[in-house]
Amino acid sequence: MMFESTLHILSKQIAMSSSSK
């Protein structure tokens, strides 16, 4: 499903953002 892929990407983006901070 496309939605699941988007969720995974979003999670990665959030994790990266949190790490950056």
PDB file of N, CA and C in Angstrom:
ATOM      1  N   MET A   1       0.839  -1.217   0.000  1.00  0.00           N
ATOM      2  CA  MET A   1       0.000   0.000   0.000  1.00  0.00           C
ATOM      3  C   MET A   1       0.869   1.260   0.000  1.00  0.00           C
ATOM      4  N   MET A   2       0.393   2.259  -0.707  1.00  0.00           N
ATOM      5  CA  MET A   2       1.131   3.510  -0.789  1.00  0.00           C
ATOM      6  C   MET A   2       1.178   4.196   0.586  1.00  0.00           C
ATOM      7  N   PHE A   3       0.033   4.114   1.291  1.00  0.00           N
ATOM      8  CA  PHE A   3      -0.055   4.788   2.592  1.00  0.00           C
ATOM      9  C   PHE A   3       1.035   4.295   3.553  1.00  0.00           C
ATOM     10  N   GLU A   4       1.220   2.980   3.584  1.00  0.00           N
ATOM     11  CA  GLU A   4       2.227   2.431   4.491  1.00  0.00           C
ATOM     12  C   GLU A   4       3.612   2.973   4.144  1.00  0.00           C
ATOM     13  N   SER A   5       3.885   3.045   2.850  1.00  0.00           N
ATOM     14  CA  SER A   5       5.191   3.564   2.413  1.00  0.00           C
ATOM     15  C   SER A   5       5.360   5.003   2.880  1.00  0.00           C
ATOM     16  N   THR A   6       4.301   5.789   2.735  1.00  0.00           N
ATOM     17  CA  THR A   6       4.366   7.189   3.153  1.00  0.00           C
ATOM     18  C   THR A   6       4.622   7.276   4.648  1.00  0.00           C
ATOM     19  N   LEU A   7       3.948   6.433   5.405  1.00  0.00           N
ATOM     20  CA  LEU A   7       4.137   6.444   6.863  1.00  0.00           C
ATOM     21  C   LEU A   7       5.592   6.140   7.196  1.00  0.00           C
ATOM     22  N   HIS A   8       6.163   5.175   6.508  1.00  0.00           N
ATOM     23  CA  HIS A   8       7.555   4.811   6.764  1.00  0.00           C
ATOM     24  C   HIS A   8       8.469   5.992   6.462  1.00  0.00           C
ATOM     25  N   ILE A   9       8.238   6.655   5.341  1.00  0.00           N
ATOM     26  CA  ILE A   9       9.067   7.788   4.949  1.00  0.00           C
ATOM     27  C   ILE A   9       8.916   8.914   5.975  1.00  0.00           C
ATOM     28  N   LEU A  10       7.667   9.163   6.380  1.00  0.00           N
ATOM     29  CA  LEU A  10       7.413  10.224   7.366  1.00  0.00           C
ATOM     30  C   LEU A  10       8.155   9.914   8.659  1.00  0.00           C
ATOM     31  N   SER A  11       8.075   8.674   9.081  1.00  0.00           N
ATOM     32  CA  SER A  11       8.752   8.267  10.322  1.00  0.00           C
ATOM     33  C   SER A  11      10.251   8.542  10.206  1.00  0.00           C
ATOM     34  N   LYS A  12      10.801   8.203   9.067  1.00  0.00           N
ATOM     35  CA  LYS A  12      12.240   8.421   8.840  1.00  0.00           C
ATOM     36  C   LYS A  12      12.557   9.914   8.899  1.00  0.00           C
ATOM     37  N   GLN A  13      11.706  10.717   8.264  1.00  0.00           N
ATOM     38  CA  GLN A  13      11.918  12.164   8.248  1.00  0.00           C
ATOM     39  C   GLN A  13      11.870  12.717   9.670  1.00  0.00           C
ATOM     40  N   ILE A  14      10.885  12.281  10.444  1.00  0.00           N
ATOM     41  CA  ILE A  14      10.744  12.756  11.823  1.00  0.00           C
ATOM     42  C   ILE A  14      11.967  12.323  12.642  1.00  0.00           C
ATOM     43  N   ALA A  15      12.379  11.092  12.470  1.00  0.00           N
ATOM     44  CA  ALA A  15      13.537  10.583  13.209  1.00  0.00           C
ATOM     45  C   ALA A  15      14.771  11.420  12.867  1.00  0.00           C
ATOM     46  N   MET A  16      14.951  11.738  11.599  1.00  0.00           N
ATOM     47  CA  MET A  16      16.093  12.547  11.177  1.00  0.00           C
ATOM     48  C   MET A  16      16.009  13.939  11.793  1.00  0.00           C
ATOM     49  N   SER A  17      14.812  14.515  11.775  1.00  0.00           N
ATOM     50  CA  SER A  17      14.612  15.855  12.326  1.00  0.00           C
ATOM     51  C   SER A  17      14.930  15.854  13.816  1.00  0.00           C
ATOM     52  N   SER A  18      14.456  14.840  14.502  1.00  0.00           N
ATOM     53  CA  SER A  18      14.693  14.741  15.949  1.00  0.00           C
ATOM     54  C   SER A  18      16.200  14.599  16.203  1.00  0.00           C
ATOM     55  N   SER A  19      16.855  13.806  15.387  1.00  0.00           N
ATOM     56  CA  SER A  19      18.295  13.592  15.550  1.00  0.00           C
ATOM     57  C   SER A  19      19.041  14.904  15.308  1.00  0.00           C
ATOM     58  N   SER A  20      18.582  15.655  14.318  1.00  0.00           N
ATOM     59  CA  SER A  20      19.223  16.926  13.977  1.00  0.00           C
ATOM     60  C   SER A  20      19.163  17.870  15.175  1.00  0.00           C
ATOM     61  N   LYS A  21      18.007  17.857  15.839  1.00  0.00           N
ATOM     62  CA  LYS A  21      17.830  18.745  16.993  1.00  0.00           C
ATOM     63  C   LYS A  21      18.677  18.208  18.150  1.00  0.00           C
TER      64      LYS A  21
END
